[in-house]
Amino acid sequence: MNSTELYKVELPIVLIVPSSISYYLPELTTNITITITTTTTTSAAAAAATTTTARMTTTTTTKASTQQLVIPNIPVNAQWSQNGTIVAGGNAEGNATNQLFYPHGLFVYDDDQTIVISEFWNHRVMQWKIGDTHGKIIAGGKGEGNRLDQLYLPSDVLFDKQTDSFIVCDYNNSRIVLWPRHNGTRRGTFLINNITCWGLVMDHQRHLYVSDYKKHEVRRYQLEGNMKNGTLVAGENEQVNDFDAGDWFYYIFVDRYQAVYVSNTFNHSVTKWNNGAKEGIIVAGGQG
């Protein structure tokens, strides 16, 4: 005996989306038809098969929803102080330990807010703890030069917790050096050579990103891998060595999705290069 019956069932559907993406979804209504076929065997001697087909129609409605991207660790109602507090230097330019001369790059420890500063014209890296009136020389400070105990116009610095070392962009020596934090360390070691580095940043996977001022590009390096060439993540796909070229990449930032943001000095803009992108997108400035 064959029979066919139709059933209409209302099924609730829950849509889950990540909270870190800004989006807007218009209301959508979707009709879904599902056909279910089952086969049963009767008790008759002939063991005739009976097939029952049930047709279900469901209606789903997705309502508009908006989520706002919130920067981690900064409350949405944060208010900034109108007056800053000097935490390093402030005693005019000079090379004394309570002075700075063209401080260029800086890094702040998460745990105790200690500040590490690359001093361009003093050819050194300084460390200032909160409340200190004098800083401490932790790299360079022996005049300009290319020895491994010297720096020559250091433009940026960061700290790698895993190796307990500073990574210094030694601009005018066309190199990046690794400088252990251990007390008594007097010299660095080569990390990357033949690079006119200007800015440094590291992502959560310990990839090192370096902006090359002369080649107008940003490359990504795996600290525990091959440090020779790196992967091009922003800039031209062919090597450029022209100082008159349009893109002069200075400082960089990398977000959690490994998108690279680059300050493009002579184009007066900030560009964003998504991971794997061949072209950047202007996200600030760029109007001349």
C-alpha atoms as a PDB file:
ATOM      1  CA  MET A   1       0.000   0.000   0.000  1.00  0.00           C
ATOM      2  CA  ASN A   2       1.464   3.341  -1.084  1.00  0.00           C
ATOM      3  CA  SER A   3       0.636   6.650   0.567  1.00  0.00           C
ATOM      4  CA  THR A   4       1.988  10.196   0.328  1.00  0.00           C
ATOM      5  CA  GLU A   5       1.425  12.920   2.929  1.00  0.00           C
ATOM      6  CA  LEU A   6       2.665  16.543   3.022  1.00  0.00           C
ATOM      7  CA  TYR A   7       3.845  18.236   6.212  1.00  0.00           C
ATOM      8  CA  LYS A   8       4.584  21.936   6.733  1.00  0.00           C
ATOM      9  CA  VAL A   9       7.029  22.504   9.563  1.00  0.00           C
ATOM     10  CA  GLU A  10       8.368  25.848  10.879  1.00  0.00           C
ATOM     11  CA  LEU A  11      12.049  25.397  11.771  1.00  0.00           C
ATOM     12  CA  PRO A  12      13.970  28.070  13.727  1.00  0.00           C
ATOM     13  CA  ILE A  13      17.411  28.794  12.289  1.00  0.00           C
ATOM     14  CA  VAL A  14      20.144  30.544  14.278  1.00  0.00           C
ATOM     15  CA  LEU A  15      22.778  32.542  12.402  1.00  0.00           C
ATOM     16  CA  ILE A  16      26.098  32.906  14.238  1.00  0.00           C
ATOM     17  CA  VAL A  17      28.613  35.525  13.106  1.00  0.00           C
ATOM     18  CA  PRO A  18      31.988  36.615  14.543  1.00  0.00           C
ATOM     19  CA  SER A  19      31.803  39.693  16.763  1.00  0.00           C
ATOM     20  CA  SER A  20      34.946  41.249  15.327  1.00  0.00           C
ATOM     21  CA  ILE A  21      33.494  42.157  11.926  1.00  0.00           C
ATOM     22  CA  SER A  22      31.321  45.179  11.135  1.00  0.00           C
ATOM     23  CA  TYR A  23      28.488  44.216   8.841  1.00  0.00           C
ATOM     24  CA  TYR A  24      24.837  44.838   7.972  1.00  0.00           C
ATOM     25  CA  LEU A  25      22.427  42.121   6.852  1.00  0.00           C
ATOM     26  CA  PRO A  26      19.068  43.072   5.277  1.00  0.00           C
ATOM     27  CA  GLU A  27      16.037  40.971   6.189  1.00  0.00           C
ATOM     28  CA  LEU A  28      15.957  37.859   4.060  1.00  0.00           C
ATOM     29  CA  THR A  29      13.105  35.367   3.601  1.00  0.00           C
ATOM     30  CA  THR A  30      13.996  31.992   2.138  1.00  0.00           C
ATOM     31  CA  ASN A  31      11.717  29.069   1.292  1.00  0.00           C
ATOM     32  CA  ILE A  32      13.413  25.694   1.558  1.00  0.00           C
ATOM     33  CA  THR A  33      11.773  22.479   0.322  1.00  0.00           C
ATOM     34  CA  ILE A  34      13.083  19.218   1.774  1.00  0.00           C
ATOM     35  CA  THR A  35      12.015  15.823   0.428  1.00  0.00           C
ATOM     36  CA  ILE A  36      12.410  12.830   2.766  1.00  0.00           C
ATOM     37  CA  THR A  37      11.963   9.300   1.410  1.00  0.00           C
ATOM     38  CA  THR A  38      11.639   6.248   3.704  1.00  0.00           C
ATOM     39  CA  THR A  39      11.087   2.590   2.826  1.00  0.00           C
ATOM     40  CA  THR A  40       9.285   0.084   5.091  1.00  0.00           C
ATOM     41  CA  THR A  41       8.531  -3.624   4.628  1.00  0.00           C
ATOM     42  CA  THR A  42       5.006  -5.007   5.301  1.00  0.00           C
ATOM     43  CA  SER A  43       4.296  -8.286   7.040  1.00  0.00           C
ATOM     44  CA  ALA A  44       2.660  -9.739   3.922  1.00  0.00           C
ATOM     45  CA  ALA A  45       4.105 -12.958   2.578  1.00  0.00           C
ATOM     46  CA  ALA A  46       5.189 -11.197  -0.577  1.00  0.00           C
ATOM     47  CA  ALA A  47       7.163  -8.696   1.530  1.00  0.00           C
ATOM     48  CA  ALA A  48       5.907  -5.842  -0.674  1.00  0.00           C
ATOM     49  CA  ALA A  49       7.756  -2.582  -0.204  1.00  0.00           C
ATOM     50  CA  THR A  50       5.837   0.531   0.761  1.00  0.00           C
ATOM     51  CA  THR A  51       7.410   3.894   0.049  1.00  0.00           C
ATOM     52  CA  THR A  52       6.319   7.011   1.903  1.00  0.00           C
ATOM     53  CA  THR A  53       7.434  10.429   0.678  1.00  0.00           C
ATOM     54  CA  ALA A  54       7.084  13.416   2.978  1.00  0.00           C
ATOM     55  CA  ARG A  55       7.505  16.916   1.553  1.00  0.00           C
ATOM     56  CA  MET A  56       8.428  19.645   4.050  1.00  0.00           C
ATOM     57  CA  THR A  57       8.466  23.371   3.309  1.00  0.00           C
ATOM     58  CA  THR A  58      10.290  25.640   5.731  1.00  0.00           C
ATOM     59  CA  THR A  59      10.405  29.417   5.863  1.00  0.00           C
ATOM     60  CA  THR A  60      13.421  31.149   7.404  1.00  0.00           C
ATOM     61  CA  THR A  61      13.765  34.824   8.217  1.00  0.00           C
ATOM     62  CA  THR A  62      17.097  36.542   8.915  1.00  0.00           C
ATOM     63  CA  LYS A  63      16.678  39.944  10.516  1.00  0.00           C
ATOM     64  CA  ALA A  64      19.026  42.866  10.143  1.00  0.00           C
ATOM     65  CA  SER A  65      21.910  42.768  12.573  1.00  0.00           C
ATOM     66  CA  THR A  66      24.813  45.142  13.166  1.00  0.00           C
ATOM     67  CA  GLN A  67      28.034  44.487  15.072  1.00  0.00           C
ATOM     68  CA  GLN A  68      30.694  47.082  15.818  1.00  0.00           C
ATOM     69  CA  LEU A  69      34.405  46.332  15.683  1.00  0.00           C
ATOM     70  CA  VAL A  70      35.964  47.269  19.015  1.00  0.00           C
ATOM     71  CA  ILE A  71      39.722  47.705  19.423  1.00  0.00           C
ATOM     72  CA  PRO A  72      40.946  45.239  22.093  1.00  0.00           C
ATOM     73  CA  ASN A  73      41.792  46.622  25.541  1.00  0.00           C
ATOM     74  CA  ILE A  74      40.403  50.112  24.814  1.00  0.00           C
ATOM     75  CA  PRO A  75      36.899  50.821  26.221  1.00  0.00           C
ATOM     76  CA  VAL A  76      34.448  52.241  23.690  1.00  0.00           C
ATOM     77  CA  ASN A  77      33.874  55.248  25.971  1.00  0.00           C
ATOM     78  CA  ALA A  78      37.583  55.945  26.583  1.00  0.00           C
ATOM     79  CA  GLN A  79      38.535  59.588  27.019  1.00  0.00           C
ATOM     80  CA  TRP A  80      42.080  60.807  26.567  1.00  0.00           C
ATOM     81  CA  SER A  81      43.814  63.238  28.880  1.00  0.00           C
ATOM     82  CA  GLN A  82      44.158  66.739  27.494  1.00  0.00           C
ATOM     83  CA  ASN A  83      47.669  67.098  28.905  1.00  0.00           C
ATOM     84  CA  GLY A  84      50.502  64.628  28.427  1.00  0.00           C
ATOM     85  CA  THR A  85      53.187  63.643  30.918  1.00  0.00           C
ATOM     86  CA  ILE A  86      56.859  63.509  29.967  1.00  0.00           C
ATOM     87  CA  VAL A  87      58.106  59.969  30.579  1.00  0.00           C
ATOM     88  CA  ALA A  88      61.492  60.182  28.808  1.00  0.00           C
ATOM     89  CA  GLY A  89      63.833  63.017  27.906  1.00  0.00           C
ATOM     90  CA  GLY A  90      62.411  66.515  28.024  1.00  0.00           C
ATOM     91  CA  ASN A  91      65.740  68.165  28.833  1.00  0.00           C
ATOM     92  CA  ALA A  92      66.452  69.553  25.371  1.00  0.00           C
ATOM     93  CA  GLU A  93      68.433  67.698  22.737  1.00  0.00           C
ATOM     94  CA  GLY A  94      71.690  66.106  23.785  1.00  0.00           C
ATOM     95  CA  ASN A  95      73.507  62.854  24.471  1.00  0.00           C
ATOM     96  CA  ALA A  96      73.326  62.757  28.271  1.00  0.00           C
ATOM     97  CA  THR A  97      71.298  59.912  29.776  1.00  0.00           C
ATOM     98  CA  ASN A  98      68.521  62.320  30.753  1.00  0.00           C
ATOM     99  CA  GLN A  99      68.276  63.634  27.182  1.00  0.00           C
ATOM    100  CA  LEU A 100      67.097  62.409  23.805  1.00  0.00           C
ATOM    101  CA  PHE A 101      68.151  63.535  20.339  1.00  0.00           C
ATOM    102  CA  TYR A 102      65.639  62.837  17.586  1.00  0.00           C
ATOM    103  CA  PRO A 103      63.877  59.843  19.191  1.00  0.00           C
ATOM    104  CA  HIS A 104      62.542  57.866  16.268  1.00  0.00           C
ATOM    105  CA  GLY A 105      61.021  54.506  17.157  1.00  0.00           C
ATOM    106  CA  LEU A 106      59.741  53.183  20.466  1.00  0.00           C
ATOM    107  CA  PHE A 107      58.441  50.034  22.082  1.00  0.00           C
ATOM    108  CA  VAL A 108      56.553  49.642  25.376  1.00  0.00           C
ATOM    109  CA  TYR A 109      56.625  46.459  27.474  1.00  0.00           C
ATOM    110  CA  ASP A 110      53.157  45.146  28.270  1.00  0.00           C
ATOM    111  CA  ASP A 111      54.074  43.982  31.766  1.00  0.00           C
ATOM    112  CA  ASP A 112      55.627  47.076  33.392  1.00  0.00           C
ATOM    113  CA  GLN A 113      55.263  49.841  30.772  1.00  0.00           C
ATOM    114  CA  THR A 114      59.036  50.210  30.382  1.00  0.00           C
ATOM    115  CA  ILE A 115      59.812  52.282  27.276  1.00  0.00           C
ATOM    116  CA  VAL A 116      62.523  51.394  24.758  1.00  0.00           C
ATOM    117  CA  ILE A 117      63.515  54.189  22.353  1.00  0.00           C
ATOM    118  CA  SER A 118      65.700  54.240  19.246  1.00  0.00           C
ATOM    119  CA  GLU A 119      67.603  57.535  19.102  1.00  0.00           C
ATOM    120  CA  PHE A 120      68.393  58.449  15.537  1.00  0.00           C
ATOM    121  CA  TRP A 121      71.104  61.071  16.024  1.00  0.00           C
ATOM    122  CA  ASN A 122      72.618  59.581  19.175  1.00  0.00           C
ATOM    123  CA  HIS A 123      73.106  56.196  17.441  1.00  0.00           C
ATOM    124  CA  ARG A 124      71.793  54.297  20.442  1.00  0.00           C
ATOM    125  CA  VAL A 125      68.791  52.557  21.995  1.00  0.00           C
ATOM    126  CA  MET A 126      67.638  53.768  25.419  1.00  0.00           C
ATOM    127  CA  GLN A 127      65.467  52.183  28.091  1.00  0.00           C
ATOM    128  CA  TRP A 128      63.330  54.277  30.437  1.00  0.00           C
ATOM    129  CA  LYS A 129      61.347  52.810  33.317  1.00  0.00           C
ATOM    130  CA  ILE A 130      58.298  54.616  34.654  1.00  0.00           C
ATOM    131  CA  GLY A 131      59.429  57.347  37.046  1.00  0.00           C
ATOM    132  CA  ASP A 132      63.081  57.344  35.929  1.00  0.00           C
ATOM    133  CA  THR A 133      64.820  60.695  35.462  1.00  0.00           C
ATOM    134  CA  HIS A 134      67.648  59.098  33.490  1.00  0.00           C
ATOM    135  CA  GLY A 135      67.539  56.397  30.854  1.00  0.00           C
ATOM    136  CA  LYS A 136      69.854  53.444  30.360  1.00  0.00           C
ATOM    137  CA  ILE A 137      71.798  52.705  27.169  1.00  0.00           C
ATOM    138  CA  ILE A 138      70.985  49.146  26.085  1.00  0.00           C
ATOM    139  CA  ALA A 139      72.396  49.125  22.527  1.00  0.00           C
ATOM    140  CA  GLY A 140      74.941  51.257  20.696  1.00  0.00           C
ATOM    141  CA  GLY A 141      75.994  54.506  22.321  1.00  0.00           C
ATOM    142  CA  LYS A 142      79.570  54.238  21.033  1.00  0.00           C
ATOM    143  CA  GLY A 143      79.236  56.760  18.258  1.00  0.00           C
ATOM    144  CA  GLU A 144      78.216  56.136  14.676  1.00  0.00           C
ATOM    145  CA  GLY A 145      79.847  53.137  13.023  1.00  0.00           C
ATOM    146  CA  ASN A 146      79.369  49.684  11.556  1.00  0.00           C
ATOM    147  CA  ARG A 147      80.952  47.537  14.252  1.00  0.00           C
ATOM    148  CA  LEU A 148      78.571  45.155  15.999  1.00  0.00           C
ATOM    149  CA  ASP A 149      78.836  47.228  19.172  1.00  0.00           C
ATOM    150  CA  GLN A 150      77.765  50.336  17.225  1.00  0.00           C
ATOM    151  CA  LEU A 151      74.656  51.643  15.495  1.00  0.00           C
ATOM    152  CA  TYR A 152      74.335  54.236  12.755  1.00  0.00           C
ATOM    153  CA  LEU A 153      71.028  56.140  12.717  1.00  0.00           C
ATOM    154  CA  PRO A 154      68.771  53.459  14.275  1.00  0.00           C
ATOM    155  CA  SER A 155      65.210  54.152  13.147  1.00  0.00           C
ATOM    156  CA  ASP A 156      63.105  51.574  15.015  1.00  0.00           C
ATOM    157  CA  VAL A 157      63.220  48.910  17.714  1.00  0.00           C
ATOM    158  CA  LEU A 158      61.034  46.152  19.126  1.00  0.00           C
ATOM    159  CA  PHE A 159      61.396  43.395  21.714  1.00  0.00           C
ATOM    160  CA  ASP A 160      61.085  39.652  21.104  1.00  0.00           C
ATOM    161  CA  LYS A 161      60.045  37.885  24.306  1.00  0.00           C
ATOM    162  CA  GLN A 162      60.894  34.416  23.020  1.00  0.00           C
ATOM    163  CA  THR A 163      64.574  35.238  22.525  1.00  0.00           C
ATOM    164  CA  ASP A 164      64.633  37.936  25.228  1.00  0.00           C
ATOM    165  CA  SER A 165      66.286  40.225  22.693  1.00  0.00           C
ATOM    166  CA  PHE A 166      65.834  43.599  21.053  1.00  0.00           C
ATOM    167  CA  ILE A 167      65.508  43.781  17.286  1.00  0.00           C
ATOM    168  CA  VAL A 168      66.993  47.035  16.002  1.00  0.00           C
ATOM    169  CA  CYS A 169      66.563  48.607  12.593  1.00  0.00           C
ATOM    170  CA  ASP A 170      70.082  49.960  11.964  1.00  0.00           C
ATOM    171  CA  TYR A 171      69.115  52.210   9.073  1.00  0.00           C
ATOM    172  CA  ASN A 172      72.361  53.702   7.819  1.00  0.00           C
ATOM    173  CA  ASN A 173      74.209  50.391   8.179  1.00  0.00           C
ATOM    174  CA  SER A 174      71.569  48.715   5.962  1.00  0.00           C
ATOM    175  CA  ARG A 175      71.028  45.923   8.466  1.00  0.00           C
ATOM    176  CA  ILE A 176      68.815  44.600  11.225  1.00  0.00           C
ATOM    177  CA  VAL A 177      70.585  43.422  14.362  1.00  0.00           C
ATOM    178  CA  LEU A 178      69.525  41.230  17.255  1.00  0.00           C
ATOM    179  CA  TRP A 179      70.676  42.592  20.608  1.00  0.00           C
ATOM    180  CA  PRO A 180      70.220  40.274  23.645  1.00  0.00           C
ATOM    181  CA  ARG A 181      68.802  41.995  26.716  1.00  0.00           C
ATOM    182  CA  HIS A 182      71.144  40.190  29.138  1.00  0.00           C
ATOM    183  CA  ASN A 183      73.084  42.479  31.418  1.00  0.00           C
ATOM    184  CA  GLY A 184      76.588  43.003  30.137  1.00  0.00           C
ATOM    185  CA  THR A 185      75.766  42.419  26.465  1.00  0.00           C
ATOM    186  CA  ARG A 186      77.969  44.797  24.496  1.00  0.00           C
ATOM    187  CA  ARG A 187      77.259  43.874  20.898  1.00  0.00           C
ATOM    188  CA  GLY A 188      74.557  42.648  18.576  1.00  0.00           C
ATOM    189  CA  THR A 189      74.443  39.935  15.930  1.00  0.00           C
ATOM    190  CA  PHE A 190      73.386  40.147  12.289  1.00  0.00           C
ATOM    191  CA  LEU A 191      69.780  39.233  11.595  1.00  0.00           C
ATOM    192  CA  ILE A 192      69.199  40.665   8.099  1.00  0.00           C
ATOM    193  CA  ASN A 193      71.743  42.381   5.851  1.00  0.00           C
ATOM    194  CA  ASN A 194      71.466  44.605   2.773  1.00  0.00           C
ATOM    195  CA  ILE A 195      68.160  46.189   3.722  1.00  0.00           C
ATOM    196  CA  THR A 196      67.462  49.900   4.088  1.00  0.00           C
ATOM    197  CA  CYS A 197      65.041  49.286   6.924  1.00  0.00           C
ATOM    198  CA  TRP A 198      62.936  51.991   8.495  1.00  0.00           C
ATOM    199  CA  GLY A 199      60.031  50.395  10.370  1.00  0.00           C
ATOM    200  CA  LEU A 200      59.614  47.107  12.253  1.00  0.00           C
ATOM    201  CA  VAL A 201      56.623  45.203  13.586  1.00  0.00           C
ATOM    202  CA  MET A 202      55.929  41.616  14.667  1.00  0.00           C
ATOM    203  CA  ASP A 203      52.649  39.703  14.484  1.00  0.00           C
ATOM    204  CA  HIS A 204      51.255  37.086  16.879  1.00  0.00           C
ATOM    205  CA  GLN A 205      52.962  34.275  14.924  1.00  0.00           C
ATOM    206  CA  ARG A 206      56.398  35.904  15.332  1.00  0.00           C
ATOM    207  CA  HIS A 207      56.619  37.000  11.726  1.00  0.00           C
ATOM    208  CA  LEU A 208      58.857  40.052  11.430  1.00  0.00           C
ATOM    209  CA  TYR A 209      57.677  42.777   9.034  1.00  0.00           C
ATOM    210  CA  VAL A 210      60.215  45.289   7.730  1.00  0.00           C
ATOM    211  CA  SER A 211      59.657  48.384   5.602  1.00  0.00           C
ATOM    212  CA  ASP A 212      62.486  48.976   3.139  1.00  0.00           C
ATOM    213  CA  TYR A 213      62.841  52.708   2.577  1.00  0.00           C
ATOM    214  CA  LYS A 214      64.939  52.409  -0.567  1.00  0.00           C
ATOM    215  CA  LYS A 215      63.108  49.546  -2.292  1.00  0.00           C
ATOM    216  CA  HIS A 216      59.660  50.955  -1.437  1.00  0.00           C
ATOM    217  CA  GLU A 217      58.360  47.673  -0.052  1.00  0.00           C
ATOM    218  CA  VAL A 218      57.485  45.692   3.068  1.00  0.00           C
ATOM    219  CA  ARG A 219      58.712  42.128   3.534  1.00  0.00           C
ATOM    220  CA  ARG A 220      57.729  39.467   6.036  1.00  0.00           C
ATOM    221  CA  TYR A 221      60.302  37.152   7.617  1.00  0.00           C
ATOM    222  CA  GLN A 222      59.929  34.046   9.767  1.00  0.00           C
ATOM    223  CA  LEU A 223      62.293  34.595  12.680  1.00  0.00           C
ATOM    224  CA  GLU A 224      63.094  30.913  12.988  1.00  0.00           C
ATOM    225  CA  GLY A 225      63.319  30.292   9.251  1.00  0.00           C
ATOM    226  CA  ASN A 226      65.168  31.634   6.236  1.00  0.00           C
ATOM    227  CA  MET A 227      65.905  35.295   6.891  1.00  0.00           C
ATOM    228  CA  LYS A 228      67.594  35.935   3.556  1.00  0.00           C
ATOM    229  CA  ASN A 229      64.803  37.067   1.237  1.00  0.00           C
ATOM    230  CA  GLY A 230      61.490  37.150   3.056  1.00  0.00           C
ATOM    231  CA  THR A 231      58.042  37.399   1.446  1.00  0.00           C
ATOM    232  CA  LEU A 232      56.884  40.574  -0.267  1.00  0.00           C
ATOM    233  CA  VAL A 233      53.653  41.742   1.422  1.00  0.00           C
ATOM    234  CA  ALA A 234      53.438  45.368   0.273  1.00  0.00           C
ATOM    235  CA  GLY A 235      54.990  47.252  -2.624  1.00  0.00           C
ATOM    236  CA  GLU A 236      55.998  46.545  -6.189  1.00  0.00           C
ATOM    237  CA  ASN A 237      56.409  42.990  -7.440  1.00  0.00           C
ATOM    238  CA  GLU A 238      59.705  43.922  -9.065  1.00  0.00           C
ATOM    239  CA  GLN A 239      62.715  45.372  -7.349  1.00  0.00           C
ATOM    240  CA  VAL A 240      62.825  49.162  -7.264  1.00  0.00           C
ATOM    241  CA  ASN A 241      65.846  51.183  -6.204  1.00  0.00           C
ATOM    242  CA  ASP A 242      64.723  54.640  -7.326  1.00  0.00           C
ATOM    243  CA  PHE A 243      64.504  57.256  -4.591  1.00  0.00           C
ATOM    244  CA  ASP A 244      62.198  59.254  -6.873  1.00  0.00           C
ATOM    245  CA  ALA A 245      59.623  56.452  -7.032  1.00  0.00           C
ATOM    246  CA  GLY A 246      56.197  57.366  -5.700  1.00  0.00           C
ATOM    247  CA  ASP A 247      55.987  55.097  -2.649  1.00  0.00           C
ATOM    248  CA  TRP A 248      58.229  55.851   0.309  1.00  0.00           C
ATOM    249  CA  PHE A 249      57.301  53.336   2.999  1.00  0.00           C
ATOM    250  CA  TYR A 250      58.113  54.405   6.532  1.00  0.00           C
ATOM    251  CA  TYR A 251      56.160  53.022   9.470  1.00  0.00           C
ATOM    252  CA  ILE A 252      54.026  49.900   9.451  1.00  0.00           C
ATOM    253  CA  PHE A 253      51.326  48.173  11.481  1.00  0.00           C
ATOM    254  CA  VAL A 254      49.957  44.626  11.149  1.00  0.00           C
ATOM    255  CA  ASP A 255      46.496  43.614  12.368  1.00  0.00           C
ATOM    256  CA  ARG A 256      45.254  40.213  13.544  1.00  0.00           C
ATOM    257  CA  TYR A 257      44.391  39.217   9.973  1.00  0.00           C
ATOM    258  CA  GLN A 258      47.962  39.978   8.819  1.00  0.00           C
ATOM    259  CA  ALA A 259      46.848  42.994   6.811  1.00  0.00           C
ATOM    260  CA  VAL A 260      49.691  45.506   6.575  1.00  0.00           C
ATOM    261  CA  TYR A 261      49.144  49.256   7.033  1.00  0.00           C
ATOM    262  CA  VAL A 262      51.907  51.466   5.645  1.00  0.00           C
ATOM    263  CA  SER A 263      52.581  55.182   6.065  1.00  0.00           C
ATOM    264  CA  ASN A 264      53.440  56.402   2.585  1.00  0.00           C
ATOM    265  CA  THR A 265      55.305  59.614   3.318  1.00  0.00           C
ATOM    266  CA  PHE A 266      55.639  61.342  -0.042  1.00  0.00           C
ATOM    267  CA  ASN A 267      52.174  60.296  -1.176  1.00  0.00           C
ATOM    268  CA  HIS A 268      50.778  61.734   2.071  1.00  0.00           C
ATOM    269  CA  SER A 269      48.686  58.645   2.691  1.00  0.00           C
ATOM    270  CA  VAL A 270      48.251  55.412   4.612  1.00  0.00           C
ATOM    271  CA  THR A 271      47.666  52.288   2.542  1.00  0.00           C
ATOM    272  CA  LYS A 272      46.327  48.896   3.574  1.00  0.00           C
ATOM    273  CA  TRP A 273      47.615  45.695   1.997  1.00  0.00           C
ATOM    274  CA  ASN A 274      45.479  42.662   2.790  1.00  0.00           C
ATOM    275  CA  ASN A 275      47.276  39.360   3.242  1.00  0.00           C
ATOM    276  CA  GLY A 276      48.187  38.134  -0.246  1.00  0.00           C
ATOM    277  CA  ALA A 277      47.084  41.341  -2.009  1.00  0.00           C
ATOM    278  CA  LYS A 278      48.926  42.606  -5.088  1.00  0.00           C
ATOM    279  CA  GLU A 279      47.762  46.191  -4.618  1.00  0.00           C
ATOM    280  CA  GLY A 280      47.207  48.436  -1.641  1.00  0.00           C
ATOM    281  CA  ILE A 281      44.072  50.386  -0.708  1.00  0.00           C
ATOM    282  CA  ILE A 282      44.271  53.987   0.481  1.00  0.00           C
ATOM    283  CA  VAL A 283      42.611  54.185   3.904  1.00  0.00           C
ATOM    284  CA  ALA A 284      43.758  57.662   4.976  1.00  0.00           C
ATOM    285  CA  GLY A 285      44.914  60.778   3.117  1.00  0.00           C
ATOM    286  CA  GLY A 286      45.966  60.477  -0.498  1.00  0.00           C
ATOM    287  CA  GLN A 287      44.362  63.770  -1.550  1.00  0.00           C
ATOM    288  CA  GLY A 288      47.630  65.507  -2.383  1.00  0.00           C
END
